[in-house]
Amino acid sequence: DTRGWIDTGQQFTNSRGGHLTEGRHRSLEVLRGGTRHVLGANVGN
């Protein structure tokens, strides 16, 4: 809503309670495959 991105920028999020969540859609599915990469928006250039 503010940045205007299509989805969450990072692939994964880690909470202070140690709970891991998938960020950008398809990140977990693709990680499990181990051969491809979901393009995120968290490291400039």
All heavy atoms as atom14 arrays in JSON, in Angstrom:
{
  "sequence": "DTRGWIDTGQQFTNSRGGHLTEGRHRSLEVLRGGTRHVLGANVGN",
  "atom14_mask": [
    [1, 1, 1, 1, 1, 1, 1, 1, 0, 0, 0, 0, 0, 0],
    [1, 1, 1, 1, 1, 1, 1, 0, 0, 0, 0, 0, 0, 0],
    [1, 1, 1, 1, 1, 1, 1, 1, 1, 1, 1, 0, 0, 0],
    [1, 1, 1, 1, 0, 0, 0, 0, 0, 0, 0, 0, 0, 0],
    [1, 1, 1, 1, 1, 1, 1, 1, 1, 1, 1, 1, 1, 1],
    [1, 1, 1, 1, 1, 1, 1, 1, 0, 0, 0, 0, 0, 0],
    [1, 1, 1, 1, 1, 1, 1, 1, 0, 0, 0, 0, 0, 0],
    [1, 1, 1, 1, 1, 1, 1, 0, 0, 0, 0, 0, 0, 0],
    [1, 1, 1, 1, 0, 0, 0, 0, 0, 0, 0, 0, 0, 0],
    [1, 1, 1, 1, 1, 1, 1, 1, 1, 0, 0, 0, 0, 0],
    [1, 1, 1, 1, 1, 1, 1, 1, 1, 0, 0, 0, 0, 0],
    [1, 1, 1, 1, 1, 1, 1, 1, 1, 1, 1, 0, 0, 0],
    [1, 1, 1, 1, 1, 1, 1, 0, 0, 0, 0, 0, 0, 0],
    [1, 1, 1, 1, 1, 1, 1, 1, 0, 0, 0, 0, 0, 0],
    [1, 1, 1, 1, 1, 1, 0, 0, 0, 0, 0, 0, 0, 0],
    [1, 1, 1, 1, 1, 1, 1, 1, 1, 1, 1, 0, 0, 0],
    [1, 1, 1, 1, 0, 0, 0, 0, 0, 0, 0, 0, 0, 0],
    [1, 1, 1, 1, 0, 0, 0, 0, 0, 0, 0, 0, 0, 0],
    [1, 1, 1, 1, 1, 1, 1, 1, 1, 1, 0, 0, 0, 0],
    [1, 1, 1, 1, 1, 1, 1, 1, 0, 0, 0, 0, 0, 0],
    [1, 1, 1, 1, 1, 1, 1, 0, 0, 0, 0, 0, 0, 0],
    [1, 1, 1, 1, 1, 1, 1, 1, 1, 0, 0, 0, 0, 0],
    [1, 1, 1, 1, 0, 0, 0, 0, 0, 0, 0, 0, 0, 0],
    [1, 1, 1, 1, 1, 1, 1, 1, 1, 1, 1, 0, 0, 0],
    [1, 1, 1, 1, 1, 1, 1, 1, 1, 1, 0, 0, 0, 0],
    [1, 1, 1, 1, 1, 1, 1, 1, 1, 1, 1, 0, 0, 0],
    [1, 1, 1, 1, 1, 1, 0, 0, 0, 0, 0, 0, 0, 0],
    [1, 1, 1, 1, 1, 1, 1, 1, 0, 0, 0, 0, 0, 0],
    [1, 1, 1, 1, 1, 1, 1, 1, 1, 0, 0, 0, 0, 0],
    [1, 1, 1, 1, 1, 1, 1, 0, 0, 0, 0, 0, 0, 0],
    [1, 1, 1, 1, 1, 1, 1, 1, 0, 0, 0, 0, 0, 0],
    [1, 1, 1, 1, 1, 1, 1, 1, 1, 1, 1, 0, 0, 0],
    [1, 1, 1, 1, 0, 0, 0, 0, 0, 0, 0, 0, 0, 0],
    [1, 1, 1, 1, 0, 0, 0, 0, 0, 0, 0, 0, 0, 0],
    [1, 1, 1, 1, 1, 1, 1, 0, 0, 0, 0, 0, 0, 0],
    [1, 1, 1, 1, 1, 1, 1, 1, 1, 1, 1, 0, 0, 0],
    [1, 1, 1, 1, 1, 1, 1, 1, 1, 1, 0, 0, 0, 0],
    [1, 1, 1, 1, 1, 1, 1, 0, 0, 0, 0, 0, 0, 0],
    [1, 1, 1, 1, 1, 1, 1, 1, 0, 0, 0, 0, 0, 0],
    [1, 1, 1, 1, 0, 0, 0, 0, 0, 0, 0, 0, 0, 0],
    [1, 1, 1, 1, 1, 0, 0, 0, 0, 0, 0, 0, 0, 0],
    [1, 1, 1, 1, 1, 1, 1, 1, 0, 0, 0, 0, 0, 0],
    [1, 1, 1, 1, 1, 1, 1, 0, 0, 0, 0, 0, 0, 0],
    [1, 1, 1, 1, 0, 0, 0, 0, 0, 0, 0, 0, 0, 0],
    [1, 1, 1, 1, 1, 1, 1, 1, 0, 0, 0, 0, 0, 0]
  ],
  "atom14_positions": [
    [[0.8, -1.22, 0.0], [0.0, 0.0, 0.0], [0.84, 1.27, 0.0], [0.41, 2.3, -0.55], [-0.93, 0.02, 1.21], [-1.91, -1.13, 1.21], [-2.17, -1.69, 0.13], [-2.42, -1.49, 2.29], [0.0, 0.0, 0.0], [0.0, 0.0, 0.0], [0.0, 0.0, 0.0], [0.0, 0.0, 0.0], [0.0, 0.0, 0.0], [0.0, 0.0, 0.0]],
    [[2.02, 1.24, 0.61], [2.87, 2.43, 0.68], [4.01, 2.38, -0.32], [4.25, 3.35, -1.04], [3.42, 2.61, 2.11], [2.32, 2.71, 3.02], [4.28, 3.85, 2.22], [0.0, 0.0, 0.0], [0.0, 0.0, 0.0], [0.0, 0.0, 0.0], [0.0, 0.0, 0.0], [0.0, 0.0, 0.0], [0.0, 0.0, 0.0], [0.0, 0.0, 0.0]],
    [[4.68, 1.26, -0.4], [5.79, 1.13, -1.34], [5.33, 0.86, -2.76], [6.05, 1.11, -3.71], [6.73, 0.01, -0.9], [7.45, 0.26, 0.43], [8.37, 1.47, 0.34], [9.25, 1.55, 1.51], [10.01, 2.59, 1.79], [10.01, 3.64, 1.0], [10.78, 2.58, 2.86], [0.0, 0.0, 0.0], [0.0, 0.0, 0.0], [0.0, 0.0, 0.0]],
    [[4.14, 0.31, -2.89], [3.62, 0.03, -4.22], [4.16, -1.25, -4.83], [4.11, -1.43, -6.05], [0.0, 0.0, 0.0], [0.0, 0.0, 0.0], [0.0, 0.0, 0.0], [0.0, 0.0, 0.0], [0.0, 0.0, 0.0], [0.0, 0.0, 0.0], [0.0, 0.0, 0.0], [0.0, 0.0, 0.0], [0.0, 0.0, 0.0], [0.0, 0.0, 0.0]],
    [[4.64, -2.16, -4.0], [5.17, -3.42, -4.5], [4.03, -4.41, -4.71], [2.92, -4.22, -4.22], [6.18, -4.0, -3.51], [7.37, -3.12, -3.26], [7.75, -2.02, -3.98], [8.33, -3.25, -2.21], [8.88, -1.47, -3.45], [9.26, -2.21, -2.36], [8.49, -4.15, -1.16], [10.35, -2.04, -1.49], [9.56, -3.99, -0.3], [10.49, -2.95, -0.47]],
    [[4.3, -5.48, -5.42], [3.25, -6.45, -5.72], [2.97, -7.37, -4.53], [1.93, -8.04, -4.49], [3.61, -7.31, -6.94], [4.87, -8.15, -6.67], [3.77, -6.45, -8.17], [5.12, -9.21, -7.73], [0.0, 0.0, 0.0], [0.0, 0.0, 0.0], [0.0, 0.0, 0.0], [0.0, 0.0, 0.0], [0.0, 0.0, 0.0], [0.0, 0.0, 0.0]],
    [[3.86, -7.41, -3.55], [3.73, -8.34, -2.44], [4.76, -7.97, -1.38], [5.49, -6.98, -1.52], [3.98, -9.78, -2.94], [3.47, -10.86, -2.0], [2.89, -10.52, -0.94], [3.66, -12.04, -2.32], [0.0, 0.0, 0.0], [0.0, 0.0, 0.0], [0.0, 0.0, 0.0], [0.0, 0.0, 0.0], [0.0, 0.0, 0.0], [0.0, 0.0, 0.0]],
    [[4.84, -8.76, -0.32], [5.91, -8.59, 0.66], [7.26, -8.63, -0.04], [7.46, -9.43, -0.96], [5.84, -9.73, 1.71], [4.56, -9.69, 2.34], [6.93, -9.57, 2.75], [0.0, 0.0, 0.0], [0.0, 0.0, 0.0], [0.0, 0.0, 0.0], [0.0, 0.0, 0.0], [0.0, 0.0, 0.0], [0.0, 0.0, 0.0], [0.0, 0.0, 0.0]],
    [[8.19, -7.79, 0.41], [9.48, -7.7, -0.27], [10.41, -8.87, -0.02], [11.05, -9.36, -0.95], [0.0, 0.0, 0.0], [0.0, 0.0, 0.0], [0.0, 0.0, 0.0], [0.0, 0.0, 0.0], [0.0, 0.0, 0.0], [0.0, 0.0, 0.0], [0.0, 0.0, 0.0], [0.0, 0.0, 0.0], [0.0, 0.0, 0.0], [0.0, 0.0, 0.0]],
    [[10.49, -9.33, 1.24], [11.42, -10.39, 1.58], [10.77, -11.76, 1.41], [9.55, -11.89, 1.44], [11.94, -10.24, 3.01], [10.94, -10.58, 4.11], [9.99, -9.43, 4.43], [9.99, -8.4, 3.78], [9.17, -9.63, 5.45], [0.0, 0.0, 0.0], [0.0, 0.0, 0.0], [0.0, 0.0, 0.0], [0.0, 0.0, 0.0], [0.0, 0.0, 0.0]],
    [[11.62, -12.76, 1.29], [11.09, -14.12, 1.11], [10.6, -14.73, 2.42], [9.63, -15.48, 2.42], [12.18, -15.01, 0.49], [12.44, -14.76, -0.99], [13.41, -13.62, -1.23], [13.91, -12.98, -0.3], [13.71, -13.36, -2.5], [0.0, 0.0, 0.0], [0.0, 0.0, 0.0], [0.0, 0.0, 0.0], [0.0, 0.0, 0.0], [0.0, 0.0, 0.0]],
    [[11.26, -14.39, 3.53], [10.89, -14.98, 4.82], [11.03, -13.95, 5.94], [11.8, -13.0, 5.84], [11.74, -16.22, 5.13], [11.55, -17.32, 4.14], [12.44, -17.49, 3.08], [10.46, -18.18, 4.23], [12.25, -18.48, 2.13], [10.26, -19.18, 3.3], [11.15, -19.34, 2.24], [0.0, 0.0, 0.0], [0.0, 0.0, 0.0], [0.0, 0.0, 0.0]],
    [[10.26, -14.17, 7.02], [10.27, -13.28, 8.18], [10.45, -14.12, 9.44], [9.89, -15.21, 9.55], [8.95, -12.48, 8.26], [8.69, -11.87, 7.0], [9.04, -11.41, 9.34], [0.0, 0.0, 0.0], [0.0, 0.0, 0.0], [0.0, 0.0, 0.0], [0.0, 0.0, 0.0], [0.0, 0.0, 0.0], [0.0, 0.0, 0.0], [0.0, 0.0, 0.0]],
    [[11.2, -13.58, 10.39], [11.49, -14.26, 11.64], [11.08, -13.35, 12.79], [11.57, -12.21, 12.88], [13.0, -14.57, 11.71], [13.4, -15.39, 12.91], [12.58, -16.05, 13.54], [14.68, -15.35, 13.23], [0.0, 0.0, 0.0], [0.0, 0.0, 0.0], [0.0, 0.0, 0.0], [0.0, 0.0, 0.0], [0.0, 0.0, 0.0], [0.0, 0.0, 0.0]],
    [[10.2, -13.81, 13.66], [9.7, -12.95, 14.74], [10.59, -13.05, 15.97], [11.41, -13.97, 16.1], [8.27, -13.34, 15.11], [8.26, -14.51, 15.92], [0.0, 0.0, 0.0], [0.0, 0.0, 0.0], [0.0, 0.0, 0.0], [0.0, 0.0, 0.0], [0.0, 0.0, 0.0], [0.0, 0.0, 0.0], [0.0, 0.0, 0.0], [0.0, 0.0, 0.0]],
    [[10.41, -12.13, 16.9], [11.19, -12.15, 18.13], [10.86, -13.36, 19.0], [11.64, -13.75, 19.86], [10.98, -10.84, 18.91], [11.79, -9.7, 18.31], [11.5, -8.37, 18.97], [11.73, -8.33, 20.41], [12.92, -8.18, 20.99], [14.01, -8.07, 20.23], [13.02, -8.12, 22.3], [0.0, 0.0, 0.0], [0.0, 0.0, 0.0], [0.0, 0.0, 0.0]],
    [[9.71, -13.96, 18.73], [9.37, -15.2, 19.41], [9.92, -16.44, 18.72], [9.69, -17.56, 19.16], [0.0, 0.0, 0.0], [0.0, 0.0, 0.0], [0.0, 0.0, 0.0], [0.0, 0.0, 0.0], [0.0, 0.0, 0.0], [0.0, 0.0, 0.0], [0.0, 0.0, 0.0], [0.0, 0.0, 0.0], [0.0, 0.0, 0.0], [0.0, 0.0, 0.0]],
    [[10.64, -16.23, 17.6], [11.23, -17.34, 16.88], [10.29, -18.03, 15.91], [10.55, -19.15, 15.47], [0.0, 0.0, 0.0], [0.0, 0.0, 0.0], [0.0, 0.0, 0.0], [0.0, 0.0, 0.0], [0.0, 0.0, 0.0], [0.0, 0.0, 0.0], [0.0, 0.0, 0.0], [0.0, 0.0, 0.0], [0.0, 0.0, 0.0], [0.0, 0.0, 0.0]],
    [[9.18, -17.36, 15.53], [8.23, -17.93, 14.59], [8.61, -17.5, 13.17], [8.76, -16.31, 12.9], [6.82, -17.48, 14.91], [6.4, -17.83, 16.31], [6.19, -19.12, 16.73], [6.17, -17.03, 17.4], [5.84, -19.13, 18.0], [5.82, -17.88, 18.44], [0.0, 0.0, 0.0], [0.0, 0.0, 0.0], [0.0, 0.0, 0.0], [0.0, 0.0, 0.0]],
    [[8.74, -18.46, 12.28], [9.13, -18.19, 10.89], [7.9, -18.18, 10.0], [7.04, -19.07, 10.09], [10.1, -19.28, 10.4], [11.46, -19.31, 11.1], [12.16, -20.63, 10.84], [12.32, -18.14, 10.64], [0.0, 0.0, 0.0], [0.0, 0.0, 0.0], [0.0, 0.0, 0.0], [0.0, 0.0, 0.0], [0.0, 0.0, 0.0], [0.0, 0.0, 0.0]],
    [[7.8, -17.16, 9.15], [6.69, -17.08, 8.2], [7.24, -16.86, 6.8], [8.29, -16.25, 6.6], [5.73, -15.94, 8.55], [6.45, -14.7, 8.63], [5.02, -16.19, 9.87], [0.0, 0.0, 0.0], [0.0, 0.0, 0.0], [0.0, 0.0, 0.0], [0.0, 0.0, 0.0], [0.0, 0.0, 0.0], [0.0, 0.0, 0.0], [0.0, 0.0, 0.0]],
    [[6.49, -17.35, 5.84], [6.79, -17.07, 4.44], [6.39, -15.64, 4.15], [5.35, -15.17, 4.59], [5.98, -18.03, 3.58], [6.15, -17.86, 2.08], [5.26, -18.82, 1.3], [4.16, -19.17, 1.82], [5.64, -19.2, 0.18], [0.0, 0.0, 0.0], [0.0, 0.0, 0.0], [0.0, 0.0, 0.0], [0.0, 0.0, 0.0], [0.0, 0.0, 0.0]],
    [[7.22, -14.9, 3.44], [6.91, -13.53, 3.09], [6.28, -13.45, 1.72], [5.06, -13.54, 1.56], [0.0, 0.0, 0.0], [0.0, 0.0, 0.0], [0.0, 0.0, 0.0], [0.0, 0.0, 0.0], [0.0, 0.0, 0.0], [0.0, 0.0, 0.0], [0.0, 0.0, 0.0], [0.0, 0.0, 0.0], [0.0, 0.0, 0.0], [0.0, 0.0, 0.0]],
    [[7.1, -13.29, 0.69], [6.58, -13.24, -0.67], [6.0, -14.6, -1.06], [6.57, -15.65, -0.77], [7.69, -12.84, -1.64], [7.26, -12.78, -3.09], [8.07, -11.83, -3.92], [7.85, -10.44, -3.49], [8.05, -9.38, -4.27], [8.47, -9.53, -5.51], [7.84, -8.16, -3.82], [0.0, 0.0, 0.0], [0.0, 0.0, 0.0], [0.0, 0.0, 0.0]],
    [[4.85, -14.56, -1.7], [4.19, -15.78, -2.12], [5.13, -16.65, -2.97], [5.97, -16.15, -3.71], [2.94, -15.46, -2.94], [1.76, -15.03, -2.14], [1.66, -13.77, -1.59], [0.64, -15.7, -1.77], [0.5, -13.67, -0.93], [-0.13, -14.82, -1.02], [0.0, 0.0, 0.0], [0.0, 0.0, 0.0], [0.0, 0.0, 0.0], [0.0, 0.0, 0.0]],
    [[4.99, -17.95, -2.81], [5.71, -19.0, -3.52], [7.13, -19.2, -3.02], [7.83, -20.09, -3.51], [5.71, -18.75, -5.04], [4.34, -18.67, -5.7], [4.45, -18.83, -7.21], [4.97, -20.17, -7.56], [5.38, -20.49, -8.79], [5.35, -19.59, -9.76], [5.84, -21.71, -9.04], [0.0, 0.0, 0.0], [0.0, 0.0, 0.0], [0.0, 0.0, 0.0]],
    [[7.57, -18.39, -2.05], [8.95, -18.52, -1.58], [9.22, -19.88, -0.97], [10.29, -20.47, -1.18], [9.27, -17.42, -0.57], [9.25, -16.14, -1.17], [0.0, 0.0, 0.0], [0.0, 0.0, 0.0], [0.0, 0.0, 0.0], [0.0, 0.0, 0.0], [0.0, 0.0, 0.0], [0.0, 0.0, 0.0], [0.0, 0.0, 0.0], [0.0, 0.0, 0.0]],
    [[8.27, -20.4, -0.18], [8.48, -21.69, 0.47], [8.45, -22.83, -0.54], [9.3, -23.73, -0.51], [7.42, -21.89, 1.55], [7.55, -23.16, 2.4], [8.93, -23.27, 3.01], [6.47, -23.18, 3.48], [0.0, 0.0, 0.0], [0.0, 0.0, 0.0], [0.0, 0.0, 0.0], [0.0, 0.0, 0.0], [0.0, 0.0, 0.0], [0.0, 0.0, 0.0]],
    [[7.49, -22.79, -1.42], [7.39, -23.81, -2.47], [8.68, -23.89, -3.28], [9.22, -24.99, -3.53], [6.21, -23.46, -3.38], [6.21, -24.15, -4.73], [5.53, -23.33, -5.82], [4.75, -22.41, -5.5], [5.81, -23.61, -7.0], [0.0, 0.0, 0.0], [0.0, 0.0, 0.0], [0.0, 0.0, 0.0], [0.0, 0.0, 0.0], [0.0, 0.0, 0.0]],
    [[9.18, -22.74, -3.7], [10.37, -22.7, -4.55], [11.61, -23.1, -3.76], [12.5, -23.8, -4.27], [10.52, -21.31, -5.19], [11.85, -21.18, -5.92], [9.37, -21.07, -6.16], [0.0, 0.0, 0.0], [0.0, 0.0, 0.0], [0.0, 0.0, 0.0], [0.0, 0.0, 0.0], [0.0, 0.0, 0.0], [0.0, 0.0, 0.0], [0.0, 0.0, 0.0]],
    [[11.7, -22.67, -2.5], [12.83, -23.07, -1.67], [12.88, -24.58, -1.51], [13.96, -25.18, -1.57], [12.72, -22.39, -0.29], [13.71, -22.86, 0.78], [15.15, -22.61, 0.36], [13.41, -22.17, 2.12], [0.0, 0.0, 0.0], [0.0, 0.0, 0.0], [0.0, 0.0, 0.0], [0.0, 0.0, 0.0], [0.0, 0.0, 0.0], [0.0, 0.0, 0.0]],
    [[11.74, -25.19, -1.32], [11.71, -26.64, -1.17], [12.21, -27.35, -2.43], [12.79, -28.43, -2.35], [10.3, -27.1, -0.84], [9.89, -26.83, 0.6], [8.44, -27.13, 0.85], [8.1, -27.09, 2.28], [6.89, -26.96, 2.76], [5.85, -26.83, 1.92], [6.68, -26.94, 4.06], [0.0, 0.0, 0.0], [0.0, 0.0, 0.0], [0.0, 0.0, 0.0]],
    [[12.0, -26.73, -3.57], [12.51, -27.32, -4.81], [14.02, -27.27, -4.91], [14.65, -28.16, -5.5], [0.0, 0.0, 0.0], [0.0, 0.0, 0.0], [0.0, 0.0, 0.0], [0.0, 0.0, 0.0], [0.0, 0.0, 0.0], [0.0, 0.0, 0.0], [0.0, 0.0, 0.0], [0.0, 0.0, 0.0], [0.0, 0.0, 0.0], [0.0, 0.0, 0.0]],
    [[14.61, -26.2, -4.37], [16.06, -26.11, -4.3], [16.8, -25.79, -5.57], [18.04, -25.88, -5.61], [0.0, 0.0, 0.0], [0.0, 0.0, 0.0], [0.0, 0.0, 0.0], [0.0, 0.0, 0.0], [0.0, 0.0, 0.0], [0.0, 0.0, 0.0], [0.0, 0.0, 0.0], [0.0, 0.0, 0.0], [0.0, 0.0, 0.0], [0.0, 0.0, 0.0]],
    [[16.07, -25.37, -6.63], [16.76, -25.1, -7.9], [16.46, -23.72, -8.48], [17.16, -23.26, -9.37], [16.38, -26.15, -8.96], [14.96, -26.1, -9.18], [16.79, -27.54, -8.51], [0.0, 0.0, 0.0], [0.0, 0.0, 0.0], [0.0, 0.0, 0.0], [0.0, 0.0, 0.0], [0.0, 0.0, 0.0], [0.0, 0.0, 0.0], [0.0, 0.0, 0.0]],
    [[15.42, -23.05, -7.95], [15.03, -21.75, -8.52], [14.95, -20.7, -7.42], [15.14, -20.99, -6.24], [13.69, -21.89, -9.26], [13.74, -22.86, -10.43], [12.47, -22.81, -11.26], [11.31, -23.25, -10.48], [10.03, -23.03, -10.83], [9.76, -22.36, -11.95], [9.05, -23.47, -10.09], [0.0, 0.0, 0.0], [0.0, 0.0, 0.0], [0.0, 0.0, 0.0]],
    [[14.64, -19.49, -7.81], [14.7, -18.34, -6.89], [13.51, -17.43, -7.11], [13.25, -16.98, -8.24], [16.0, -17.57, -7.13], [16.11, -16.28, -6.39], [16.0, -16.19, -5.03], [16.35, -15.01, -6.83], [16.16, -14.93, -4.65], [16.37, -14.2, -5.72], [0.0, 0.0, 0.0], [0.0, 0.0, 0.0], [0.0, 0.0, 0.0], [0.0, 0.0, 0.0]],
    [[12.77, -17.13, -6.03], [11.69, -16.15, -6.1], [12.3, -14.76, -5.99], [12.96, -14.43, -5.0], [10.67, -16.38, -4.97], [9.71, -15.19, -4.87], [9.87, -17.66, -5.22], [0.0, 0.0, 0.0], [0.0, 0.0, 0.0], [0.0, 0.0, 0.0], [0.0, 0.0, 0.0], [0.0, 0.0, 0.0], [0.0, 0.0, 0.0], [0.0, 0.0, 0.0]],
    [[12.1, -13.93, -7.0], [12.64, -12.58, -7.0], [11.91, -11.73, -5.97], [10.69, -11.58, -6.03], [12.51, -11.95, -8.38], [13.12, -10.56, -8.53], [14.65, -10.63, -8.44], [12.71, -9.93, -9.86], [0.0, 0.0, 0.0], [0.0, 0.0, 0.0], [0.0, 0.0, 0.0], [0.0, 0.0, 0.0], [0.0, 0.0, 0.0], [0.0, 0.0, 0.0]],
    [[12.64, -11.21, -4.99], [12.05, -10.37, -3.97], [12.36, -8.9, -4.21], [12.75, -8.49, -5.31], [0.0, 0.0, 0.0], [0.0, 0.0, 0.0], [0.0, 0.0, 0.0], [0.0, 0.0, 0.0], [0.0, 0.0, 0.0], [0.0, 0.0, 0.0], [0.0, 0.0, 0.0], [0.0, 0.0, 0.0], [0.0, 0.0, 0.0], [0.0, 0.0, 0.0]],
    [[12.2, -8.11, -3.15], [12.49, -6.67, -3.2], [13.01, -6.26, -1.84], [12.35, -5.56, -1.09], [11.23, -5.88, -3.57], [0.0, 0.0, 0.0], [0.0, 0.0, 0.0], [0.0, 0.0, 0.0], [0.0, 0.0, 0.0], [0.0, 0.0, 0.0], [0.0, 0.0, 0.0], [0.0, 0.0, 0.0], [0.0, 0.0, 0.0], [0.0, 0.0, 0.0]],
    [[14.22, -6.73, -1.5], [14.76, -6.41, -0.18], [16.22, -6.0, -0.19], [16.74, -5.55, 0.82], [14.55, -7.6, 0.78], [15.16, -8.9, 0.28], [16.31, -9.21, 0.56], [14.4, -9.67, -0.48], [0.0, 0.0, 0.0], [0.0, 0.0, 0.0], [0.0, 0.0, 0.0], [0.0, 0.0, 0.0], [0.0, 0.0, 0.0], [0.0, 0.0, 0.0]],
    [[16.91, -6.1, -1.33], [18.31, -5.69, -1.43], [18.47, -4.88, -2.71], [18.4, -5.44, -3.81], [19.27, -6.9, -1.43], [20.72, -6.42, -1.48], [19.05, -7.76, -0.21], [0.0, 0.0, 0.0], [0.0, 0.0, 0.0], [0.0, 0.0, 0.0], [0.0, 0.0, 0.0], [0.0, 0.0, 0.0], [0.0, 0.0, 0.0], [0.0, 0.0, 0.0]],
    [[18.68, -3.57, -2.59], [18.73, -2.7, -3.75], [19.74, -3.15, -4.79], [20.92, -3.37, -4.47], [0.0, 0.0, 0.0], [0.0, 0.0, 0.0], [0.0, 0.0, 0.0], [0.0, 0.0, 0.0], [0.0, 0.0, 0.0], [0.0, 0.0, 0.0], [0.0, 0.0, 0.0], [0.0, 0.0, 0.0], [0.0, 0.0, 0.0], [0.0, 0.0, 0.0]],
    [[19.29, -3.34, -6.02], [20.11, -3.68, -7.17], [20.73, -5.08, -7.09], [21.59, -5.42, -7.9], [21.23, -2.65, -7.38], [20.71, -1.25, -7.6], [19.79, -1.05, -8.4], [21.25, -0.28, -6.88], [0.0, 0.0, 0.0], [0.0, 0.0, 0.0], [0.0, 0.0, 0.0], [0.0, 0.0, 0.0], [0.0, 0.0, 0.0], [0.0, 0.0, 0.0]]
  ]
}
